[in-house]
Amino acid sequence: MSTWEFRILEIKKVSSRLELLSVDGVAYKDISPSMFRTEDVFDLHAYLNAAGQEGWEMVGCSPAEGTSEELNFIVFLIFLKRPVQTF
């Protein structure tokens, strides 16, 4: 039987600009300097490709509770999983 670990990304979209807010509930700015930013815009494509190289697979995406397009932004969650590595 497979055992999985999960990661949740919280992303804010304003117009066409993306901002990574948190990874597993920890503010992204507190985790590491971003190598996935271009002119202060989060590069989701590059992040997901790098995560895929580490064995992560995107398994879902959902708008976050309380998100409103009327406020000119959307917050959504991306769910990733990968097999737990056992040695």
Foldseek 3Di string as FASTA:
>chain_A
DFDKDKKKWKWKQAPNAIDTQDIRPHGPVVPDDDPQDDPNGGNVVVVVVVVVVVFKDWDDKAWDPPADCVVRMTIMMIMIMGTDDDD
